[in-house]
Amino acid sequence: MCDKLENSKHNQKGRPDVKLLYAVLTISLLVPAFFSMPAQGASCESLGSLALPQTTITSAQSVPAGRFEPPTSPAGPTSYKSLPAFCRVAAALKPTSDSDIKIEVWLPAEGWNGKFQATGNGGWSGAINHGALARALALGYATAGTDTGHSGGRGEFALGHPEKLIDFGYRAVHEMTVKAKAIIAAYYGNGPRLSYWVGCSSGGKQGLKEAQQYPADYDGILAGAPANYWTHLMVGDLWVSQTTLKDPAAYIPKEKYPIIHKAALAACDALDGVTDGLIENPMRCRFDPAVLACKDGDGPTCLTGPQVESARKIYSGPVNPRTKKQIFPGLEPGSELGWSPLAGGPKPFQISDDHFKYVVFKDPNWDFRTLNLDSHVALTDKIDKGTLNAINPDLRKFLGHGGKMILYHGWNDQLIAPRNTVNYYESMVAKSGGAAKVGQSIRLFMAPGMAHCAGGEGPNTFDALTALDQWVEHGTAPDQIIAAHRTNDTVDRTRPWCPYPQVAKYKGSGSTDDAANFVCAAEKGGDR
């Protein structure tokens, strides 16, 4: 065959046939180009008839630029008005007879960056987060979100519906991921080149669950303030409510939060060498609220004996009275201004109260005052069977395919004790070969002064997604993440977040409100 082709390249006079050579050369150049070209995709509306297992496409429509109006907010915020044109696909997934998982997939009509970004949820996660989808779409990502199989922000759906609880726990996110990638491939003619998960709180837990249980789903995971030790978090949060609400004498009026906060800063703000209204590393803080004890009776600038004890319990977290083991960490010094959701009453924190009512005891009338730190903790752990918890420290399969993860948590988090994330990170380090090895693929950033997922007195606006993308795409590990604090939309402070256990240290000159005047350096931490 080769000899015949070789002979055909020459005419009878032994000279090359120029026309034939040109044709062969042209074909040789076009063949690889043809096979590297993406397949032709489908139109948006035609996705309505796309057949996927256990899936019903309920809507597939083209949305013109700036015309999206979410169902819950007909007017739409400014961010929606600036959105580019996209294909909006809605689907219902039914992996079990009792499942009803709603998802949406948004696909840029032009300028797709070739990547997929999935968005997480919060709390009991009963809605698709259109704002998160909009942010991802604006950056050029194909994106998706889910309601995790139910509607509303309460845990009532779990009562009598074990399959729905599994959907909420992990199945809905995985099913959404698989179906979203298939829809992306159908629309563009090829699937995403890279896939990222972005979520905080319950969304952070969802990201960790993906890495642990479905390690091939995502190339990069951005997980903030993860509610990953769900069963013990529910105990920890309800413990705060029980501490301050069970006995009226132990209740701390919200008006006293600022004086506790001021005293905590006075004790620990300067430990990092900079007095700036932030506690850089609360694990070094030795604050005792007894310094605020009233000398006589009660008053607006002091704490009664029972109130001092309540504050101590909020900081210490619940401990098993029989085994003396810590059940869940306490909130950190600096978090006092945000204590109201857990400690302010008049009712207990609803997310944790719902967990015990509808998942553990299956009794809507269960009274949080009866919470037992021994038997009830053992019961909720036994019932869970890995459905809601995401605490497996073995991420070797995720890391084995090149996965990267950025964890972050605000030290002033008022809903999920930040030391839980530190504990989980350290468990991964112990399981996966030490800090140096884990640091090649997973990094934790603790944020001084930041509250739950956002807000707070410290720098709390940041772009960790770009850092994750650079790490996955180019192997550039993030040595710091610059965060900013804004007052009235004006940046008044920037500061680097540092890979744990490093902290931001002041160089000794220049404004302490400028990140350029800080360096990430090692610091020996410690428990209170």
Protein backbone atom coordinates (compact mmCIF):
# COMPACT_ATOMS: atom_id res chain seq x y z
CA MET A 1 0.00 0.00 0.00
CA CYS A 2 2.81 2.39 0.93
CA ASP A 3 4.77 1.50 -2.18
CA LYS A 4 1.78 2.24 -4.42
CA LEU A 5 1.32 5.63 -2.78
CA GLU A 6 5.01 6.41 -3.14
CA ASN A 7 4.98 5.50 -6.82
CA SER A 8 1.90 7.59 -7.47
CA LYS A 9 3.73 10.69 -6.29
CA HIS A 10 5.85 10.64 -9.49
CA ASN A 11 4.79 10.95 -13.13
CA GLN A 12 6.08 8.75 -15.86
CA LYS A 13 9.13 10.98 -16.25
CA GLY A 14 10.06 10.40 -12.58
CA ARG A 15 9.13 13.92 -11.50
CA PRO A 16 6.90 14.61 -8.50
CA ASP A 17 3.23 15.19 -9.25
CA VAL A 18 2.84 18.61 -7.66
CA LYS A 19 -0.96 18.59 -7.66
CA LEU A 20 -1.13 15.22 -5.97
CA LEU A 21 1.48 16.21 -3.41
CA TYR A 22 -0.53 19.34 -2.60
CA ALA A 23 -3.67 17.28 -2.15
CA VAL A 24 -1.96 14.80 0.14
CA LEU A 25 -0.39 17.60 2.17
CA THR A 26 -3.74 19.35 2.49
CA ILE A 27 -5.44 16.18 3.72
CA SER A 28 -2.63 15.48 6.19
CA LEU A 29 -3.07 18.93 7.66
CA LEU A 30 -6.86 18.83 7.78
CA VAL A 31 -7.30 15.37 9.31
CA PRO A 32 -5.85 16.20 12.75
CA ALA A 33 -7.58 19.55 12.72
CA PHE A 34 -10.89 17.84 11.96
CA PHE A 35 -10.58 15.40 14.82
CA SER A 36 -9.57 18.15 17.28
CA MET A 37 -12.61 20.26 16.45
CA PRO A 38 -15.45 20.07 18.98
CA ALA A 39 -18.60 18.38 17.89
CA GLN A 40 -21.52 20.56 16.91
CA GLY A 41 -23.84 21.23 19.83
CA ALA A 42 -27.61 21.42 20.05
CA SER A 43 -29.82 24.49 20.16
CA CYS A 44 -31.04 25.58 23.56
CA GLU A 45 -34.67 24.79 22.97
CA SER A 46 -33.86 21.34 21.59
CA LEU A 47 -32.44 20.38 24.99
CA GLY A 48 -36.06 20.11 26.12
CA SER A 49 -36.19 16.71 24.45
CA LEU A 50 -32.82 15.51 25.75
CA ALA A 51 -33.18 12.01 27.21
CA LEU A 52 -31.18 11.39 30.40
CA PRO A 53 -31.67 8.59 32.94
CA GLN A 54 -34.15 9.34 35.73
CA THR A 55 -34.43 12.90 34.42
CA THR A 56 -37.23 15.06 33.08
CA ILE A 57 -36.23 18.29 31.36
CA THR A 58 -38.98 20.68 32.42
CA SER A 59 -37.75 23.75 30.60
CA ALA A 60 -35.06 24.79 28.10
CA GLN A 61 -35.17 28.38 26.99
CA SER A 62 -32.86 31.05 25.65
CA VAL A 63 -32.60 34.09 27.94
CA PRO A 64 -31.58 37.32 26.21
CA ALA A 65 -28.87 39.46 27.79
CA GLY A 66 -30.10 41.32 30.86
CA ARG A 67 -33.56 39.75 30.76
CA PHE A 68 -33.39 37.10 33.50
CA GLU A 69 -35.93 37.48 36.29
CA PRO A 70 -35.76 34.88 39.08
CA PRO A 71 -39.06 33.47 40.36
CA THR A 72 -38.50 34.81 43.88
CA SER A 73 -37.57 38.34 42.81
CA PRO A 74 -39.39 39.50 39.68
CA ALA A 75 -37.56 42.82 39.51
CA GLY A 76 -34.11 41.25 39.74
CA PRO A 77 -31.01 42.88 41.20
CA THR A 78 -28.50 44.83 39.14
CA SER A 79 -26.29 41.75 38.77
CA TYR A 80 -29.05 40.00 36.83
CA LYS A 81 -29.51 42.99 34.55
CA SER A 82 -25.89 42.79 33.46
CA LEU A 83 -25.95 39.07 32.68
CA PRO A 84 -25.04 37.94 29.16
CA ALA A 85 -27.39 35.83 27.07
CA PHE A 86 -27.61 32.23 28.20
CA CYS A 87 -29.49 28.97 27.84
CA ARG A 88 -31.46 28.13 30.98
CA VAL A 89 -32.29 24.47 31.49
CA ALA A 90 -34.47 23.24 34.35
CA ALA A 91 -34.86 19.57 35.19
CA ALA A 92 -36.38 17.24 37.77
CA LEU A 93 -34.33 14.22 38.85
CA LYS A 94 -35.86 11.10 40.35
CA PRO A 95 -33.18 8.61 41.41
CA THR A 96 -35.71 6.98 43.80
CA SER A 97 -39.49 6.77 43.87
CA ASP A 98 -39.57 9.40 46.67
CA SER A 99 -37.05 11.75 45.09
CA ASP A 100 -37.93 15.06 43.47
CA ILE A 101 -34.66 16.92 42.91
CA LYS A 102 -34.88 20.20 41.03
CA ILE A 103 -31.83 21.52 39.22
CA GLU A 104 -31.02 24.39 36.90
CA VAL A 105 -28.15 24.51 34.43
CA TRP A 106 -27.12 27.85 32.91
CA LEU A 107 -25.05 27.82 29.74
CA PRO A 108 -23.40 30.95 28.27
CA ALA A 109 -24.67 31.53 24.72
CA GLU A 110 -21.24 32.93 23.81
CA GLY A 111 -17.83 33.14 25.43
CA TRP A 112 -17.99 29.91 27.42
CA ASN A 113 -14.65 29.42 29.18
CA GLY A 114 -14.88 25.65 28.75
CA LYS A 115 -15.38 25.04 32.48
CA PHE A 116 -18.20 24.04 34.81
CA GLN A 117 -18.87 25.62 38.19
CA ALA A 118 -21.44 24.09 40.52
CA THR A 119 -22.93 26.18 43.33
CA GLY A 120 -23.70 25.12 46.89
CA ASN A 121 -26.52 25.75 49.34
CA GLY A 122 -26.97 26.91 52.90
CA GLY A 123 -28.80 25.58 55.94
CA TRP A 124 -31.40 22.99 55.03
CA SER A 125 -30.84 23.96 51.39
CA GLY A 126 -34.33 23.97 49.95
CA ALA A 127 -33.86 26.37 47.02
CA ILE A 128 -31.71 26.95 43.95
CA ASN A 129 -29.38 29.89 44.54
CA HIS A 130 -29.92 32.05 41.46
CA GLY A 131 -27.52 34.70 42.73
CA ALA A 132 -24.68 32.18 42.83
CA LEU A 133 -25.57 30.97 39.34
CA ALA A 134 -25.49 34.55 38.10
CA ARG A 135 -22.04 35.16 39.53
CA ALA A 136 -20.67 32.02 37.89
CA LEU A 137 -22.31 32.80 34.54
CA ALA A 138 -20.89 36.33 34.54
CA LEU A 139 -17.40 34.80 34.76
CA GLY A 140 -18.00 32.65 31.69
CA TYR A 141 -18.74 29.37 33.44
CA ALA A 142 -21.45 26.88 32.62
CA THR A 143 -23.07 26.52 36.02
CA ALA A 144 -25.65 24.53 37.94
CA GLY A 145 -27.50 24.47 41.25
CA THR A 146 -30.02 22.27 43.04
CA ASP A 147 -32.69 22.53 45.72
CA THR A 148 -31.31 19.21 47.12
CA GLY A 149 -34.66 17.51 46.72
CA HIS A 150 -37.11 19.65 48.68
CA SER A 151 -38.38 23.20 48.98
CA GLY A 152 -38.10 25.55 51.93
CA GLY A 153 -35.51 26.16 54.60
CA ARG A 154 -36.79 23.81 57.29
CA GLY A 155 -36.01 20.20 58.14
CA GLU A 156 -39.64 19.06 58.16
CA PHE A 157 -39.24 17.38 54.77
CA ALA A 158 -37.15 14.62 56.38
CA LEU A 159 -39.99 13.35 58.58
CA GLY A 160 -41.10 10.03 57.09
CA HIS A 161 -38.94 10.51 53.97
CA PRO A 162 -35.58 8.78 54.43
CA GLU A 163 -34.80 8.92 50.72
CA LYS A 164 -35.28 12.68 50.68
CA LEU A 165 -32.87 12.96 53.57
CA ILE A 166 -30.29 11.01 51.55
CA ASP A 167 -30.94 13.33 48.62
CA PHE A 168 -30.25 16.30 50.88
CA GLY A 169 -27.23 14.63 52.43
CA TYR A 170 -25.32 13.92 49.22
CA ARG A 171 -27.26 12.30 46.41
CA ALA A 172 -28.85 15.44 44.96
CA VAL A 173 -25.50 17.16 44.47
CA HIS A 174 -23.91 14.16 42.77
CA GLU A 175 -26.93 13.59 40.53
CA MET A 176 -26.96 17.29 39.61
CA THR A 177 -23.26 17.10 38.77
CA VAL A 178 -23.64 14.11 36.46
CA LYS A 179 -26.71 15.47 34.69
CA ALA A 180 -25.31 19.00 34.37
CA LYS A 181 -22.18 17.69 32.65
CA ALA A 182 -24.35 15.70 30.22
CA ILE A 183 -26.46 18.78 29.44
CA ILE A 184 -23.31 20.85 28.92
CA ALA A 185 -21.94 18.24 26.52
CA ALA A 186 -25.21 18.15 24.58
CA TYR A 187 -25.35 21.94 24.23
CA TYR A 188 -21.74 22.65 23.30
CA GLY A 189 -20.86 19.36 21.63
CA ASN A 190 -18.27 18.56 24.30
CA GLY A 191 -18.20 18.41 28.09
CA PRO A 192 -16.40 20.79 30.43
CA ARG A 193 -12.61 20.81 30.41
CA LEU A 194 -12.52 21.42 34.18
CA SER A 195 -15.15 21.28 36.91
CA TYR A 196 -15.23 23.33 40.13
CA TRP A 197 -17.38 23.25 43.24
CA VAL A 198 -18.06 26.50 45.12
CA GLY A 199 -20.02 26.57 48.37
CA CYS A 200 -20.06 27.76 51.97
CA SER A 201 -21.71 26.44 55.15
CA SER A 202 -23.91 23.55 53.98
CA GLY A 203 -22.32 24.23 50.60
CA GLY A 204 -18.88 23.72 52.13
CA LYS A 205 -20.05 20.40 53.54
CA GLN A 206 -21.42 19.44 50.12
CA GLY A 207 -18.02 20.10 48.57
CA LEU A 208 -16.25 17.92 51.13
CA LYS A 209 -18.82 15.17 50.64
CA GLU A 210 -18.13 15.23 46.92
CA ALA A 211 -14.37 14.92 47.47
CA GLN A 212 -14.87 12.06 49.92
CA GLN A 213 -17.60 10.09 48.17
CA TYR A 214 -17.40 11.07 44.49
CA PRO A 215 -13.77 12.13 44.08
CA ALA A 216 -13.88 12.26 40.27
CA ASP A 217 -16.76 14.75 40.08
CA TYR A 218 -14.64 17.90 40.52
CA ASP A 219 -11.12 19.04 39.73
CA GLY A 220 -11.22 21.88 42.25
CA ILE A 221 -13.29 22.47 45.37
CA LEU A 222 -13.75 25.76 47.21
CA ALA A 223 -15.33 24.95 50.58
CA GLY A 224 -16.05 27.69 53.11
CA ALA A 225 -17.09 27.26 56.77
CA PRO A 226 -18.12 23.66 56.11
CA ALA A 227 -20.94 22.20 58.20
CA ASN A 228 -19.25 18.84 57.70
CA TYR A 229 -19.54 17.42 61.21
CA TRP A 230 -23.28 17.93 60.90
CA THR A 231 -24.47 15.76 63.80
CA HIS A 232 -22.09 17.35 66.30
CA LEU A 233 -22.63 20.84 64.88
CA MET A 234 -26.33 20.42 65.57
CA VAL A 235 -25.46 19.55 69.17
CA GLY A 236 -23.00 22.43 69.48
CA ASP A 237 -25.43 25.05 68.23
CA LEU A 238 -28.32 23.71 70.30
CA TRP A 239 -26.01 23.61 73.32
CA VAL A 240 -25.62 27.40 73.08
CA SER A 241 -29.40 27.85 72.89
CA GLN A 242 -29.91 25.51 75.82
CA THR A 243 -27.23 27.31 77.84
CA THR A 244 -28.82 30.74 77.56
CA LEU A 245 -32.52 29.93 77.23
CA LYS A 246 -33.18 27.04 79.60
CA ASP A 247 -32.64 29.16 82.72
CA PRO A 248 -33.75 32.85 82.51
CA ALA A 249 -30.96 33.83 84.89
CA ALA A 250 -28.36 32.54 82.40
CA TYR A 251 -29.70 34.62 79.51
CA ILE A 252 -27.28 37.28 78.23
CA PRO A 253 -29.16 40.32 76.88
CA LYS A 254 -28.05 41.28 73.39
CA GLU A 255 -27.18 44.75 74.67
CA LYS A 256 -24.31 43.17 76.61
CA TYR A 257 -22.67 41.54 73.59
CA PRO A 258 -20.63 44.69 72.77
CA ILE A 259 -19.11 44.88 76.27
CA ILE A 260 -18.03 41.23 76.09
CA HIS A 261 -16.58 41.84 72.64
CA LYS A 262 -14.68 44.90 73.83
CA ALA A 263 -13.22 42.96 76.75
CA ALA A 264 -12.17 40.07 74.48
CA LEU A 265 -10.36 42.48 72.17
CA ALA A 266 -8.69 44.17 75.12
CA ALA A 267 -7.35 40.78 76.21
CA CYS A 268 -6.23 39.41 72.86
CA ASP A 269 -6.14 41.99 70.04
CA ALA A 270 -2.49 42.98 70.60
CA LEU A 271 -1.14 39.42 70.75
CA ASP A 272 -0.08 39.63 67.09
CA GLY A 273 1.77 42.90 67.64
CA VAL A 274 -0.91 45.05 65.98
CA THR A 275 -3.86 46.67 67.76
CA ASP A 276 -6.40 46.79 64.96
CA GLY A 277 -9.69 45.51 66.36
CA LEU A 278 -9.00 41.97 65.16
CA ILE A 279 -7.80 38.82 66.91
CA GLU A 280 -5.42 37.27 64.38
CA ASN A 281 -5.30 33.85 66.04
CA PRO A 282 -8.00 33.27 68.68
CA MET A 283 -6.40 29.93 69.64
CA ARG A 284 -3.78 31.95 71.52
CA CYS A 285 -6.41 33.97 73.39
CA ARG A 286 -6.87 33.37 77.12
CA PHE A 287 -9.92 35.55 77.69
CA ASP A 288 -12.05 34.90 80.78
CA PRO A 289 -15.39 36.77 80.81
CA ALA A 290 -15.18 36.79 84.63
CA VAL A 291 -13.34 40.12 84.25
CA LEU A 292 -16.79 41.58 83.57
CA ALA A 293 -18.45 40.12 86.67
CA CYS A 294 -20.76 42.55 88.43
CA LYS A 295 -19.55 43.60 91.84
CA ASP A 296 -23.07 44.11 93.13
CA GLY A 297 -26.32 42.94 91.53
CA ASP A 298 -26.64 43.54 87.79
CA GLY A 299 -25.89 46.37 85.39
CA PRO A 300 -25.59 47.24 81.70
CA THR A 301 -21.76 47.10 81.70
CA CYS A 302 -21.21 43.90 83.67
CA LEU A 303 -22.24 40.24 83.74
CA THR A 304 -24.00 38.43 86.53
CA GLY A 305 -22.55 35.16 87.79
CA PRO A 306 -24.88 33.01 85.65
CA GLN A 307 -24.16 35.22 82.61
CA VAL A 308 -20.40 34.79 83.10
CA GLU A 309 -20.90 31.04 83.18
CA SER A 310 -23.01 31.18 80.00
CA ALA A 311 -20.28 33.10 78.17
CA ARG A 312 -17.70 30.58 79.31
CA LYS A 313 -19.84 27.73 77.97
CA ILE A 314 -20.29 29.47 74.61
CA TYR A 315 -16.50 29.71 74.30
CA SER A 316 -15.80 26.19 75.54
CA GLY A 317 -18.42 24.25 73.56
CA PRO A 318 -20.21 21.07 74.71
CA VAL A 319 -18.33 18.24 76.42
CA ASN A 320 -19.64 14.74 77.03
CA PRO A 321 -20.25 14.61 80.79
CA ARG A 322 -19.38 10.92 80.94
CA THR A 323 -16.34 10.60 78.65
CA LYS A 324 -15.14 14.23 79.07
CA LYS A 325 -14.51 14.36 75.32
CA GLN A 326 -15.19 17.52 73.35
CA ILE A 327 -18.34 17.08 71.26
CA PHE A 328 -17.91 20.24 69.19
CA PRO A 329 -15.71 23.32 69.59
CA GLY A 330 -17.04 26.53 71.05
CA LEU A 331 -17.24 29.93 69.39
CA GLU A 332 -14.07 32.00 69.46
CA PRO A 333 -13.23 35.26 71.27
CA GLY A 334 -14.13 38.01 68.85
CA SER A 335 -17.41 36.44 67.73
CA GLU A 336 -19.56 38.04 70.47
CA LEU A 337 -21.37 40.58 68.28
CA GLY A 338 -22.91 37.69 66.34
CA TRP A 339 -24.15 35.54 69.21
CA SER A 340 -27.80 36.44 68.74
CA PRO A 341 -28.90 33.62 66.36
CA LEU A 342 -27.76 30.91 68.76
CA ALA A 343 -28.00 32.60 72.15
CA GLY A 344 -30.46 35.45 71.71
CA GLY A 345 -33.73 33.51 71.72
CA PRO A 346 -36.58 33.53 72.31
CA LYS A 347 -36.53 30.19 70.47
CA PRO A 348 -33.62 27.79 69.91
CA PHE A 349 -31.62 27.93 66.69
CA GLN A 350 -34.03 26.50 64.16
CA ILE A 351 -31.65 24.49 61.97
CA SER A 352 -30.37 22.42 64.89
CA ASP A 353 -33.78 22.23 66.56
CA ASP A 354 -35.25 20.85 63.33
CA HIS A 355 -32.52 18.23 63.11
CA PHE A 356 -33.49 16.72 66.43
CA LYS A 357 -37.22 17.12 65.88
CA TYR A 358 -37.47 15.67 62.37
CA VAL A 359 -34.37 13.51 61.91
CA VAL A 360 -33.39 12.17 65.34
CA PHE A 361 -36.60 11.90 67.38
CA LYS A 362 -39.17 12.26 64.58
CA ASP A 363 -41.29 14.30 66.95
CA PRO A 364 -42.22 17.90 66.09
CA ASN A 365 -42.98 18.49 69.79
CA TRP A 366 -39.52 17.53 71.06
CA ASP A 367 -38.18 20.08 73.58
CA PHE A 368 -34.60 21.30 73.11
CA ARG A 369 -34.28 21.73 76.88
CA THR A 370 -34.12 17.93 77.18
CA LEU A 371 -30.94 17.63 75.03
CA ASN A 372 -28.63 15.07 76.62
CA LEU A 373 -24.94 15.47 75.79
CA ASP A 374 -24.26 11.77 76.15
CA SER A 375 -27.12 9.59 74.96
CA HIS A 376 -28.57 12.02 72.41
CA VAL A 377 -25.21 12.63 70.74
CA ALA A 378 -24.66 8.88 70.44
CA LEU A 379 -28.16 8.51 69.00
CA THR A 380 -27.77 11.15 66.29
CA ASP A 381 -24.41 9.66 65.27
CA LYS A 382 -25.93 6.19 65.07
CA ILE A 383 -28.86 7.36 62.97
CA ASP A 384 -26.72 9.32 60.51
CA LYS A 385 -24.69 6.43 59.04
CA GLY A 386 -22.69 8.88 56.93
CA THR A 387 -25.73 10.54 55.37
CA LEU A 388 -25.19 14.07 56.67
CA ASN A 389 -21.68 13.97 58.09
CA ALA A 390 -18.71 14.55 55.78
CA ILE A 391 -15.81 13.86 58.13
CA ASN A 392 -13.80 11.19 56.31
CA PRO A 393 -10.22 12.53 56.28
CA ASP A 394 -9.06 10.15 53.53
CA LEU A 395 -9.05 12.21 50.33
CA ARG A 396 -6.36 10.23 48.57
CA LYS A 397 -8.63 9.36 45.62
CA PHE A 398 -9.52 13.01 45.12
CA LEU A 399 -5.88 14.01 45.34
CA GLY A 400 -4.88 11.06 43.17
CA HIS A 401 -6.56 12.51 40.08
CA GLY A 402 -4.98 15.93 40.66
CA GLY A 403 -7.81 17.48 42.67
CA LYS A 404 -7.15 20.77 44.50
CA MET A 405 -9.06 22.18 47.45
CA ILE A 406 -9.19 25.52 49.20
CA LEU A 407 -10.86 25.59 52.61
CA TYR A 408 -11.61 28.85 54.40
CA HIS A 409 -13.33 29.84 57.62
CA GLY A 410 -13.90 33.12 59.47
CA TRP A 411 -12.53 33.18 63.03
CA ASN A 412 -15.58 35.23 64.11
CA ASP A 413 -18.07 32.72 62.71
CA GLN A 414 -21.17 32.87 64.88
CA LEU A 415 -22.93 29.76 63.51
CA ILE A 416 -20.26 27.12 62.88
CA ALA A 417 -17.35 27.01 65.31
CA PRO A 418 -14.26 27.67 63.15
CA ARG A 419 -12.03 25.30 65.07
CA ASN A 420 -14.09 22.45 63.60
CA THR A 421 -12.53 23.21 60.22
CA VAL A 422 -9.07 23.37 61.77
CA ASN A 423 -9.72 19.96 63.34
CA TYR A 424 -10.86 18.47 60.04
CA TYR A 425 -7.86 19.89 58.18
CA GLU A 426 -5.50 18.45 60.77
CA SER A 427 -7.22 15.06 60.46
CA MET A 428 -6.54 15.14 56.70
CA VAL A 429 -2.91 16.03 57.35
CA ALA A 430 -2.58 13.07 59.72
CA LYS A 431 -4.29 10.68 57.29
CA SER A 432 -2.69 11.75 54.03
CA GLY A 433 1.03 11.98 54.71
CA GLY A 434 1.72 15.17 56.63
CA ALA A 435 1.36 18.92 56.16
CA ALA A 436 3.94 19.27 53.39
CA LYS A 437 2.29 16.62 51.23
CA VAL A 438 -1.27 17.74 51.89
CA GLY A 439 -0.28 21.36 51.27
CA GLN A 440 0.51 20.47 47.67
CA SER A 441 -3.21 19.89 47.06
CA ILE A 442 -5.23 21.27 49.99
CA ARG A 443 -4.83 24.57 51.83
CA LEU A 444 -6.82 26.10 54.67
CA PHE A 445 -7.20 29.85 55.12
CA MET A 446 -8.50 31.21 58.45
CA ALA A 447 -9.93 34.72 58.26
CA PRO A 448 -9.51 37.02 61.31
CA GLY A 449 -12.63 39.02 62.05
CA MET A 450 -14.81 37.40 59.39
CA ALA A 451 -18.24 36.11 60.39
CA HIS A 452 -20.15 33.17 58.88
CA CYS A 453 -19.13 32.94 55.20
CA ALA A 454 -19.00 36.73 54.89
CA GLY A 455 -19.36 39.96 56.84
CA GLY A 456 -17.77 40.94 60.12
CA GLU A 457 -15.22 43.48 61.27
CA GLY A 458 -12.30 41.88 59.45
CA PRO A 459 -11.53 41.70 55.71
CA ASN A 460 -14.26 39.50 54.27
CA THR A 461 -14.52 40.05 50.52
CA PHE A 462 -12.11 37.94 48.49
CA ASP A 463 -11.56 36.00 45.28
CA ALA A 464 -10.60 32.47 46.19
CA LEU A 465 -12.06 31.05 42.98
CA THR A 466 -9.34 32.65 40.85
CA ALA A 467 -6.74 31.25 43.25
CA LEU A 468 -8.28 27.79 42.90
CA ASP A 469 -8.44 28.07 39.12
CA GLN A 470 -4.77 29.09 38.91
CA TRP A 471 -3.85 26.16 41.12
CA VAL A 472 -5.77 23.63 39.04
CA GLU A 473 -4.88 25.10 35.64
CA HIS A 474 -1.27 26.12 36.18
CA GLY A 475 -0.12 24.44 39.37
CA THR A 476 0.32 27.78 41.14
CA ALA A 477 -0.51 27.09 44.78
CA PRO A 478 -1.97 30.07 46.69
CA ASP A 479 0.56 31.41 49.22
CA GLN A 480 -1.97 34.02 50.34
CA ILE A 481 -5.43 35.33 49.49
CA ILE A 482 -5.92 39.09 49.69
CA ALA A 483 -9.18 40.01 51.42
CA ALA A 484 -10.77 43.42 51.80
CA HIS A 485 -13.10 45.12 54.24
CA ARG A 486 -15.57 47.69 52.98
CA THR A 487 -17.50 50.42 54.72
CA ASN A 488 -20.26 52.01 52.63
CA ASP A 489 -18.84 50.27 49.52
CA THR A 490 -15.41 51.80 50.10
CA VAL A 491 -12.41 49.58 50.81
CA ASP A 492 -10.89 50.70 54.09
CA ARG A 493 -8.66 47.72 54.86
CA THR A 494 -6.91 44.87 53.07
CA ARG A 495 -5.11 41.99 54.66
CA PRO A 496 -3.65 38.68 53.48
CA TRP A 497 -5.23 35.44 54.53
CA CYS A 498 -2.46 32.93 55.08
CA PRO A 499 -2.30 29.15 54.64
CA TYR A 500 -2.88 27.58 58.05
CA PRO A 501 -1.00 27.44 60.37
CA GLN A 502 0.72 30.60 59.09
CA VAL A 503 -0.64 33.99 60.15
CA ALA A 504 -0.33 37.52 58.77
CA LYS A 505 2.50 39.36 60.51
CA TYR A 506 3.05 43.10 60.31
CA LYS A 507 6.39 44.04 58.71
CA GLY A 508 6.82 46.94 61.11
CA SER A 509 6.20 49.93 58.87
CA GLY A 510 3.42 51.36 56.74
CA SER A 511 -0.32 51.34 57.25
CA THR A 512 -1.77 48.36 59.07
CA ASP A 513 -4.76 48.68 56.73
CA ASP A 514 -2.65 47.75 53.71
CA ALA A 515 -2.04 44.07 52.91
CA ALA A 516 1.32 44.96 51.36
CA ASN A 517 2.67 45.65 54.84
CA PHE A 518 2.06 42.11 56.07
CA VAL A 519 3.79 38.81 55.41
CA CYS A 520 2.57 35.27 55.96
CA ALA A 521 4.76 33.56 58.53
CA ALA A 522 4.68 30.54 60.80
CA GLU A 523 3.37 30.90 64.31
CA LYS A 524 3.16 28.32 67.03
CA GLY A 525 -0.51 28.09 67.97
CA GLY A 526 -2.07 26.64 71.06
CA ASP A 527 -5.33 25.93 72.78
CA ARG A 528 -6.90 28.26 75.25
